[in-house]
Amino acid sequence: MVKPPTDTPQIAPPPTILATPSPIPSTFTDGLPLPKLLIFDLDYTLWPFWVDTHVTPPLKAKDNNTRAVDRLNESFAFYPGVPPLLHAAHALSLPLALASRTSAPELAVSLLKTLHIPPPPPSSPLPSTTTTTNSHPHHNNTTSRPPLPPSTPSTSSSLPKLRRAPSAPALTPPKRAYDFFAHSAIFPGDKRTHMARLQRASGVPYAEMLFFDDEGRNRNVEALGVCFWLVRDGVTREEVDRGVREWRGRRKGGDGGEEG
């Protein structure tokens, strides 16, 4: 005898919930060593334009300083991945620096001061400084800056002075994008000059630096021992992770890094 169908309703399976990927680089929280100084270019690395050709001053802040407009009412802001990266680095007391060869350094600084980094959402899983201190024995987790070593007369007189940002309170991230960076070298010239200035200002050895830039010609900084990572389409969490893994591979003394 064929069993008659029942009227028992079918229970639908629960919907699949896709996890939202964290905006924080996974290498920031995996317990492995980090560079002691992360250095970023500006144009087409942190923001999607050339500040010296695309921006016409004066600047005016819009939308709570998350973007700026110029005299022609053109709008300018960071790549989307930049704010969470800055907050994560601040939470870890991981020093950041800028190295730009723009021919409009004053305008670049003005835009960095105009643009603010909004606070992360309350649910944002920012890394813990305490965790990093225990997990990264080679990482200097302090917001204090080492004293500037004396420069030799043959180099210091011909190079622009570097701005040294004050330390931010441990639990209070800055608002202006400019204030997230411990050091900045923004002036025209060979990027090796920028690296030399940042090295003297920070006291960080070249081998402990990781430099993100969108121009392959700036790979020449590797002659100094700086690890270079070529950014394809602006800084993202994935690009930072690739760069950190490249630096780790070189730090081990092997060629296990990724292709930039």
C-alpha atoms as a PDB file:
ATOM      1  CA  MET A   1       0.000   0.000   0.000  1.00  0.00           C
ATOM      2  CA  VAL A   2       1.259   3.428  -0.933  1.00  0.00           C
ATOM      3  CA  LYS A   3       1.545   5.737   2.019  1.00  0.00           C
ATOM      4  CA  PRO A   4      -0.660   8.799   1.494  1.00  0.00           C
ATOM      5  CA  PRO A   5       1.063  12.171   1.565  1.00  0.00           C
ATOM      6  CA  THR A   6       0.921  14.037   4.829  1.00  0.00           C
ATOM      7  CA  ASP A   7       0.054  17.669   5.326  1.00  0.00           C
ATOM      8  CA  THR A   8       3.072  18.228   7.514  1.00  0.00           C
ATOM      9  CA  PRO A   9       4.644  21.515   6.388  1.00  0.00           C
ATOM     10  CA  GLN A  10       8.241  21.373   5.207  1.00  0.00           C
ATOM     11  CA  ILE A  11      10.692  23.301   7.355  1.00  0.00           C
ATOM     12  CA  ALA A  12      12.945  25.493   5.245  1.00  0.00           C
ATOM     13  CA  PRO A  13      16.654  25.351   6.058  1.00  0.00           C
ATOM     14  CA  PRO A  14      18.042  28.405   7.845  1.00  0.00           C
ATOM     15  CA  PRO A  15      19.409  31.065   5.534  1.00  0.00           C
ATOM     16  CA  THR A  16      23.123  31.095   4.955  1.00  0.00           C
ATOM     17  CA  ILE A  17      24.737  34.068   6.636  1.00  0.00           C
ATOM     18  CA  LEU A  18      27.883  35.219   4.892  1.00  0.00           C
ATOM     19  CA  ALA A  19      30.525  36.637   7.187  1.00  0.00           C
ATOM     20  CA  THR A  20      31.532  40.184   6.420  1.00  0.00           C
ATOM     21  CA  PRO A  21      35.286  40.333   5.873  1.00  0.00           C
ATOM     22  CA  SER A  22      37.138  42.444   8.393  1.00  0.00           C
ATOM     23  CA  PRO A  23      38.451  45.765   7.040  1.00  0.00           C
ATOM     24  CA  ILE A  24      41.568  45.272   9.183  1.00  0.00           C
ATOM     25  CA  PRO A  25      44.597  43.584   7.589  1.00  0.00           C
ATOM     26  CA  SER A  26      44.809  40.023   8.880  1.00  0.00           C
ATOM     27  CA  THR A  27      48.579  40.389   9.288  1.00  0.00           C
ATOM     28  CA  PHE A  28      47.948  42.981  12.011  1.00  0.00           C
ATOM     29  CA  THR A  29      46.456  40.338  14.299  1.00  0.00           C
ATOM     30  CA  ASP A  30      48.085  37.028  13.326  1.00  0.00           C
ATOM     31  CA  GLY A  31      50.787  37.193  16.004  1.00  0.00           C
ATOM     32  CA  LEU A  32      53.717  37.445  13.575  1.00  0.00           C
ATOM     33  CA  PRO A  33      56.232  40.320  13.357  1.00  0.00           C
ATOM     34  CA  LEU A  34      55.266  43.622  11.757  1.00  0.00           C
ATOM     35  CA  PRO A  35      57.462  46.305  10.194  1.00  0.00           C
ATOM     36  CA  LYS A  36      58.419  49.096  12.572  1.00  0.00           C
ATOM     37  CA  LEU A  37      57.418  51.765  10.040  1.00  0.00           C
ATOM     38  CA  LEU A  38      54.743  51.587   7.337  1.00  0.00           C
ATOM     39  CA  ILE A  39      55.310  54.243   4.674  1.00  0.00           C
ATOM     40  CA  PHE A  40      52.739  55.340   2.099  1.00  0.00           C
ATOM     41  CA  ASP A  41      52.828  57.383  -1.062  1.00  0.00           C
ATOM     42  CA  LEU A  42      49.877  59.739  -1.559  1.00  0.00           C
ATOM     43  CA  ASP A  43      48.752  59.982  -5.204  1.00  0.00           C
ATOM     44  CA  TYR A  44      46.958  56.836  -6.403  1.00  0.00           C
ATOM     45  CA  THR A  45      48.062  55.091  -3.224  1.00  0.00           C
ATOM     46  CA  LEU A  46      46.055  56.733  -0.422  1.00  0.00           C
ATOM     47  CA  TRP A  47      43.824  58.831  -2.688  1.00  0.00           C
ATOM     48  CA  PRO A  48      42.724  58.383  -6.337  1.00  0.00           C
ATOM     49  CA  PHE A  49      44.164  61.499  -7.952  1.00  0.00           C
ATOM     50  CA  TRP A  50      47.290  63.610  -8.452  1.00  0.00           C
ATOM     51  CA  VAL A  51      47.064  66.422  -5.956  1.00  0.00           C
ATOM     52  CA  ASP A  52      49.320  68.719  -7.998  1.00  0.00           C
ATOM     53  CA  THR A  53      47.290  68.454 -11.238  1.00  0.00           C
ATOM     54  CA  HIS A  54      43.731  67.534 -10.234  1.00  0.00           C
ATOM     55  CA  VAL A  55      43.155  69.801  -7.227  1.00  0.00           C
ATOM     56  CA  THR A  56      42.618  73.551  -7.582  1.00  0.00           C
ATOM     57  CA  PRO A  57      42.785  75.458  -4.278  1.00  0.00           C
ATOM     58  CA  PRO A  58      41.253  76.704  -2.092  1.00  0.00           C
ATOM     59  CA  LEU A  59      39.795  73.634  -0.407  1.00  0.00           C
ATOM     60  CA  LYS A  60      36.528  73.409   1.496  1.00  0.00           C
ATOM     61  CA  ALA A  61      35.508  70.560   3.805  1.00  0.00           C
ATOM     62  CA  LYS A  62      32.267  68.672   3.136  1.00  0.00           C
ATOM     63  CA  ASP A  63      30.302  65.909   4.872  1.00  0.00           C
ATOM     64  CA  ASN A  64      31.982  66.283   8.255  1.00  0.00           C
ATOM     65  CA  ASN A  65      35.392  66.583   6.629  1.00  0.00           C
ATOM     66  CA  THR A  66      35.218  63.126   5.033  1.00  0.00           C
ATOM     67  CA  ARG A  67      35.757  64.789   1.660  1.00  0.00           C
ATOM     68  CA  ALA A  68      36.861  68.149   0.316  1.00  0.00           C
ATOM     69  CA  VAL A  69      35.907  70.188  -2.699  1.00  0.00           C
ATOM     70  CA  ASP A  70      38.177  72.586  -4.553  1.00  0.00           C
ATOM     71  CA  ARG A  71      37.552  75.875  -6.348  1.00  0.00           C
ATOM     72  CA  LEU A  72      36.052  73.992  -9.325  1.00  0.00           C
ATOM     73  CA  ASN A  73      33.732  72.052  -6.987  1.00  0.00           C
ATOM     74  CA  GLU A  74      35.561  68.800  -7.687  1.00  0.00           C
ATOM     75  CA  SER A  75      35.362  66.318  -4.814  1.00  0.00           C
ATOM     76  CA  PHE A  76      38.376  64.592  -3.236  1.00  0.00           C
ATOM     77  CA  ALA A  77      38.623  61.842  -0.609  1.00  0.00           C
ATOM     78  CA  PHE A  78      40.679  58.792   0.370  1.00  0.00           C
ATOM     79  CA  TYR A  79      40.275  55.316  -1.036  1.00  0.00           C
ATOM     80  CA  PRO A  80      37.649  53.438   1.042  1.00  0.00           C
ATOM     81  CA  GLY A  81      40.209  51.114   2.619  1.00  0.00           C
ATOM     82  CA  VAL A  82      42.298  53.915   4.105  1.00  0.00           C
ATOM     83  CA  PRO A  83      40.254  54.934   7.225  1.00  0.00           C
ATOM     84  CA  PRO A  84      40.044  51.427   8.763  1.00  0.00           C
ATOM     85  CA  LEU A  85      43.744  50.921   8.047  1.00  0.00           C
ATOM     86  CA  LEU A  86      44.670  54.128   9.874  1.00  0.00           C
ATOM     87  CA  HIS A  87      42.508  53.232  12.866  1.00  0.00           C
ATOM     88  CA  ALA A  88      43.983  49.726  13.060  1.00  0.00           C
ATOM     89  CA  ALA A  89      47.543  51.047  12.939  1.00  0.00           C
ATOM     90  CA  HIS A  90      46.720  53.617  15.626  1.00  0.00           C
ATOM     91  CA  ALA A  91      45.208  50.923  17.859  1.00  0.00           C
ATOM     92  CA  LEU A  92      48.461  48.948  17.578  1.00  0.00           C
ATOM     93  CA  SER A  93      50.684  52.023  18.000  1.00  0.00           C
ATOM     94  CA  LEU A  94      52.181  51.061  14.631  1.00  0.00           C
ATOM     95  CA  PRO A  95      53.994  54.147  13.306  1.00  0.00           C
ATOM     96  CA  LEU A  96      53.003  55.416   9.861  1.00  0.00           C
ATOM     97  CA  ALA A  97      54.830  57.796   7.532  1.00  0.00           C
ATOM     98  CA  LEU A  98      54.239  59.564   4.229  1.00  0.00           C
ATOM     99  CA  ALA A  99      56.630  59.751   1.278  1.00  0.00           C
ATOM    100  CA  SER A 100      55.374  61.772  -1.680  1.00  0.00           C
ATOM    101  CA  ARG A 101      57.257  63.414  -4.538  1.00  0.00           C
ATOM    102  CA  THR A 102      54.380  65.741  -5.447  1.00  0.00           C
ATOM    103  CA  SER A 103      55.273  69.153  -6.793  1.00  0.00           C
ATOM    104  CA  ALA A 104      52.526  70.682  -4.615  1.00  0.00           C
ATOM    105  CA  PRO A 105      53.590  69.742  -1.073  1.00  0.00           C
ATOM    106  CA  GLU A 106      51.731  72.595   0.628  1.00  0.00           C
ATOM    107  CA  LEU A 107      48.488  71.644  -1.107  1.00  0.00           C
ATOM    108  CA  ALA A 108      48.977  67.982  -0.184  1.00  0.00           C
ATOM    109  CA  VAL A 109      49.450  68.886   3.483  1.00  0.00           C
ATOM    110  CA  SER A 110      46.427  71.185   3.358  1.00  0.00           C
ATOM    111  CA  LEU A 111      44.268  68.371   2.015  1.00  0.00           C
ATOM    112  CA  LEU A 112      45.601  65.944   4.656  1.00  0.00           C
ATOM    113  CA  LYS A 113      44.622  68.438   7.332  1.00  0.00           C
ATOM    114  CA  THR A 114      41.208  69.103   5.786  1.00  0.00           C
ATOM    115  CA  LEU A 115      40.237  65.443   5.495  1.00  0.00           C
ATOM    116  CA  HIS A 116      39.196  63.828   8.761  1.00  0.00           C
ATOM    117  CA  ILE A 117      39.049  60.122   9.505  1.00  0.00           C
ATOM    118  CA  PRO A 118      35.624  59.229  10.950  1.00  0.00           C
ATOM    119  CA  PRO A 119      35.662  57.100  14.103  1.00  0.00           C
ATOM    120  CA  PRO A 120      35.226  53.369  13.505  1.00  0.00           C
ATOM    121  CA  PRO A 121      31.774  51.881  14.145  1.00  0.00           C
ATOM    122  CA  PRO A 122      31.233  50.617  17.718  1.00  0.00           C
ATOM    123  CA  SER A 123      31.165  47.049  16.391  1.00  0.00           C
ATOM    124  CA  SER A 124      34.422  47.424  14.492  1.00  0.00           C
ATOM    125  CA  PRO A 125      36.911  44.808  15.787  1.00  0.00           C
ATOM    126  CA  LEU A 126      39.951  47.014  16.237  1.00  0.00           C
ATOM    127  CA  PRO A 127      43.096  45.130  17.293  1.00  0.00           C
ATOM    128  CA  SER A 128      44.331  45.430  20.861  1.00  0.00           C
ATOM    129  CA  THR A 129      47.624  47.057  21.788  1.00  0.00           C
ATOM    130  CA  THR A 130      47.967  44.588  24.665  1.00  0.00           C
ATOM    131  CA  THR A 131      47.586  41.632  22.329  1.00  0.00           C
ATOM    132  CA  THR A 132      50.137  43.069  19.946  1.00  0.00           C
ATOM    133  CA  THR A 133      52.683  43.654  22.691  1.00  0.00           C
ATOM    134  CA  ASN A 134      52.542  39.994  23.648  1.00  0.00           C
ATOM    135  CA  SER A 135      52.437  38.645  20.116  1.00  0.00           C
ATOM    136  CA  HIS A 136      55.026  40.822  18.374  1.00  0.00           C
ATOM    137  CA  PRO A 137      58.274  40.724  20.352  1.00  0.00           C
ATOM    138  CA  HIS A 138      60.122  42.523  17.570  1.00  0.00           C
ATOM    139  CA  HIS A 139      57.612  45.339  17.218  1.00  0.00           C
ATOM    140  CA  ASN A 140      58.155  48.567  19.113  1.00  0.00           C
ATOM    141  CA  ASN A 141      54.644  49.283  20.399  1.00  0.00           C
ATOM    142  CA  THR A 142      54.989  52.811  21.703  1.00  0.00           C
ATOM    143  CA  THR A 143      53.660  56.127  20.521  1.00  0.00           C
ATOM    144  CA  SER A 144      56.723  57.984  21.781  1.00  0.00           C
ATOM    145  CA  ARG A 145      59.161  59.073  19.100  1.00  0.00           C
ATOM    146  CA  PRO A 146      62.942  58.538  19.361  1.00  0.00           C
ATOM    147  CA  PRO A 147      65.067  61.709  19.398  1.00  0.00           C
ATOM    148  CA  LEU A 148      66.162  62.947  16.015  1.00  0.00           C
ATOM    149  CA  PRO A 149      69.813  61.959  15.438  1.00  0.00           C
ATOM    150  CA  PRO A 150      72.136  64.786  14.386  1.00  0.00           C
ATOM    151  CA  SER A 151      72.402  65.105  10.615  1.00  0.00           C
ATOM    152  CA  THR A 152      75.638  65.621   8.784  1.00  0.00           C
ATOM    153  CA  PRO A 153      76.143  69.087   7.257  1.00  0.00           C
ATOM    154  CA  SER A 154      76.537  67.595   3.797  1.00  0.00           C
ATOM    155  CA  THR A 155      72.929  66.330   3.695  1.00  0.00           C
ATOM    156  CA  SER A 156      70.777  68.235   6.175  1.00  0.00           C
ATOM    157  CA  SER A 157      71.295  71.651   4.618  1.00  0.00           C
ATOM    158  CA  SER A 158      70.048  70.622   1.176  1.00  0.00           C
ATOM    159  CA  LEU A 159      66.933  68.680   2.172  1.00  0.00           C
ATOM    160  CA  PRO A 160      63.546  69.896   3.404  1.00  0.00           C
ATOM    161  CA  LYS A 161      62.814  69.565   7.098  1.00  0.00           C
ATOM    162  CA  LEU A 162      60.440  66.831   8.178  1.00  0.00           C
ATOM    163  CA  ARG A 163      57.376  67.416  10.287  1.00  0.00           C
ATOM    164  CA  ARG A 164      57.293  65.428  13.522  1.00  0.00           C
ATOM    165  CA  ALA A 165      53.746  64.830  14.753  1.00  0.00           C
ATOM    166  CA  PRO A 166      53.000  64.838  18.492  1.00  0.00           C
ATOM    167  CA  SER A 167      51.993  61.560  20.057  1.00  0.00           C
ATOM    168  CA  ALA A 168      48.243  61.000  20.219  1.00  0.00           C
ATOM    169  CA  PRO A 169      46.582  59.801  23.442  1.00  0.00           C
ATOM    170  CA  ALA A 170      46.489  56.023  23.490  1.00  0.00           C
ATOM    171  CA  LEU A 171      42.705  55.722  23.429  1.00  0.00           C
ATOM    172  CA  THR A 172      41.841  58.843  21.456  1.00  0.00           C
ATOM    173  CA  PRO A 173      42.480  58.528  17.726  1.00  0.00           C
ATOM    174  CA  PRO A 174      43.129  61.792  15.929  1.00  0.00           C
ATOM    175  CA  LYS A 175      40.574  63.333  13.622  1.00  0.00           C
ATOM    176  CA  ARG A 176      42.733  64.882  10.915  1.00  0.00           C
ATOM    177  CA  ALA A 177      44.279  62.380   8.536  1.00  0.00           C
ATOM    178  CA  TYR A 178      47.547  64.301   8.793  1.00  0.00           C
ATOM    179  CA  ASP A 179      47.844  63.498  12.488  1.00  0.00           C
ATOM    180  CA  PHE A 180      47.791  59.726  11.988  1.00  0.00           C
ATOM    181  CA  PHE A 181      51.278  59.887  10.492  1.00  0.00           C
ATOM    182  CA  ALA A 182      54.307  60.128  12.763  1.00  0.00           C
ATOM    183  CA  HIS A 183      56.554  61.442   9.998  1.00  0.00           C
ATOM    184  CA  SER A 184      56.099  62.912   6.545  1.00  0.00           C
ATOM    185  CA  ALA A 185      58.471  63.557   3.659  1.00  0.00           C
ATOM    186  CA  ILE A 186      56.509  65.460   1.019  1.00  0.00           C
ATOM    187  CA  PHE A 187      58.669  67.144  -1.601  1.00  0.00           C
ATOM    188  CA  PRO A 188      59.808  66.506  -5.197  1.00  0.00           C
ATOM    189  CA  GLY A 189      62.758  64.236  -5.813  1.00  0.00           C
ATOM    190  CA  ASP A 190      64.036  60.686  -5.765  1.00  0.00           C
ATOM    191  CA  LYS A 191      62.190  58.511  -3.238  1.00  0.00           C
ATOM    192  CA  ARG A 192      65.525  57.296  -1.887  1.00  0.00           C
ATOM    193  CA  THR A 193      65.965  60.803  -0.512  1.00  0.00           C
ATOM    194  CA  HIS A 194      62.588  60.520   1.189  1.00  0.00           C
ATOM    195  CA  MET A 195      63.565  57.195   2.753  1.00  0.00           C
ATOM    196  CA  ALA A 196      66.856  58.622   4.017  1.00  0.00           C
ATOM    197  CA  ARG A 197      65.043  61.511   5.676  1.00  0.00           C
ATOM    198  CA  LEU A 198      62.467  59.223   7.243  1.00  0.00           C
ATOM    199  CA  GLN A 199      65.187  56.924   8.524  1.00  0.00           C
ATOM    200  CA  ARG A 200      66.984  59.781  10.246  1.00  0.00           C
ATOM    201  CA  ALA A 201      63.746  61.174  11.663  1.00  0.00           C
ATOM    202  CA  SER A 202      62.418  57.857  12.988  1.00  0.00           C
ATOM    203  CA  GLY A 203      65.602  55.969  13.824  1.00  0.00           C
ATOM    204  CA  VAL A 204      64.035  52.867  12.223  1.00  0.00           C
ATOM    205  CA  PRO A 205      66.485  50.739  10.196  1.00  0.00           C
ATOM    206  CA  TYR A 206      65.733  50.494   6.479  1.00  0.00           C
ATOM    207  CA  ALA A 207      65.188  46.743   6.800  1.00  0.00           C
ATOM    208  CA  GLU A 208      62.303  47.416   9.230  1.00  0.00           C
ATOM    209  CA  MET A 209      60.481  49.704   6.767  1.00  0.00           C
ATOM    210  CA  LEU A 210      57.718  48.746   4.334  1.00  0.00           C
ATOM    211  CA  PHE A 211      56.887  51.232   1.577  1.00  0.00           C
ATOM    212  CA  PHE A 212      53.644  51.198  -0.447  1.00  0.00           C
ATOM    213  CA  ASP A 213      53.693  53.086  -3.765  1.00  0.00           C
ATOM    214  CA  ASP A 214      51.892  52.933  -7.108  1.00  0.00           C
ATOM    215  CA  GLU A 215      54.932  53.677  -9.313  1.00  0.00           C
ATOM    216  CA  GLY A 216      57.371  50.920 -10.176  1.00  0.00           C
ATOM    217  CA  ARG A 217      60.237  53.365 -10.645  1.00  0.00           C
ATOM    218  CA  ASN A 218      60.241  53.971  -6.895  1.00  0.00           C
ATOM    219  CA  ARG A 219      61.331  50.395  -6.326  1.00  0.00           C
ATOM    220  CA  ASN A 220      64.849  51.853  -6.331  1.00  0.00           C
ATOM    221  CA  VAL A 221      64.418  52.397  -2.561  1.00  0.00           C
ATOM    222  CA  GLU A 222      65.227  48.699  -2.213  1.00  0.00           C
ATOM    223  CA  ALA A 223      68.866  49.619  -2.823  1.00  0.00           C
ATOM    224  CA  LEU A 224      68.741  51.056   0.712  1.00  0.00           C
ATOM    225  CA  GLY A 225      67.207  47.908   2.170  1.00  0.00           C
ATOM    226  CA  VAL A 226      63.598  49.190   2.283  1.00  0.00           C
ATOM    227  CA  CYS A 227      60.948  46.639   1.339  1.00  0.00           C
ATOM    228  CA  PHE A 228      58.849  48.008  -1.544  1.00  0.00           C
ATOM    229  CA  TRP A 229      55.320  46.925  -2.400  1.00  0.00           C
ATOM    230  CA  LEU A 230      53.681  48.047  -5.650  1.00  0.00           C
ATOM    231  CA  VAL A 231      50.053  49.116  -5.128  1.00  0.00           C
ATOM    232  CA  ARG A 232      47.888  48.265  -8.123  1.00  0.00           C
ATOM    233  CA  ASP A 233      44.710  50.255  -7.478  1.00  0.00           C
ATOM    234  CA  GLY A 234      44.943  52.093  -4.178  1.00  0.00           C
ATOM    235  CA  VAL A 235      45.642  50.829  -0.674  1.00  0.00           C
ATOM    236  CA  THR A 236      43.347  48.050   0.500  1.00  0.00           C
ATOM    237  CA  ARG A 237      43.405  45.517   3.314  1.00  0.00           C
ATOM    238  CA  GLU A 238      44.568  42.891   0.828  1.00  0.00           C
ATOM    239  CA  GLU A 239      47.409  45.050  -0.495  1.00  0.00           C
ATOM    240  CA  VAL A 240      48.661  45.725   3.014  1.00  0.00           C
ATOM    241  CA  ASP A 241      48.582  42.019   3.824  1.00  0.00           C
ATOM    242  CA  ARG A 242      50.543  41.192   0.676  1.00  0.00           C
ATOM    243  CA  GLY A 243      53.106  43.840   1.463  1.00  0.00           C
ATOM    244  CA  VAL A 244      53.560  42.670   5.050  1.00  0.00           C
ATOM    245  CA  ARG A 245      53.994  39.071   3.903  1.00  0.00           C
ATOM    246  CA  GLU A 246      56.603  40.215   1.390  1.00  0.00           C
ATOM    247  CA  TRP A 247      58.471  42.026   4.156  1.00  0.00           C
ATOM    248  CA  ARG A 248      58.285  38.947   6.393  1.00  0.00           C
ATOM    249  CA  GLY A 249      59.644  36.746   3.624  1.00  0.00           C
ATOM    250  CA  ARG A 250      62.632  39.006   3.137  1.00  0.00           C
ATOM    251  CA  ARG A 251      63.139  39.338   6.864  1.00  0.00           C
ATOM    252  CA  LYS A 252      63.633  35.589   7.053  1.00  0.00           C
ATOM    253  CA  GLY A 253      66.444  35.946   4.535  1.00  0.00           C
ATOM    254  CA  GLY A 254      64.675  33.979   1.837  1.00  0.00           C
ATOM    255  CA  ASP A 255      62.824  34.760  -1.372  1.00  0.00           C
ATOM    256  CA  GLY A 256      59.476  33.555  -0.121  1.00  0.00           C
ATOM    257  CA  GLY A 257      57.751  36.886  -0.675  1.00  0.00           C
ATOM    258  CA  GLU A 258      55.023  37.639  -3.157  1.00  0.00           C
ATOM    259  CA  GLU A 259      55.449  39.384  -6.452  1.00  0.00           C
ATOM    260  CA  GLY A 260      54.685  43.090  -6.270  1.00  0.00           C
END
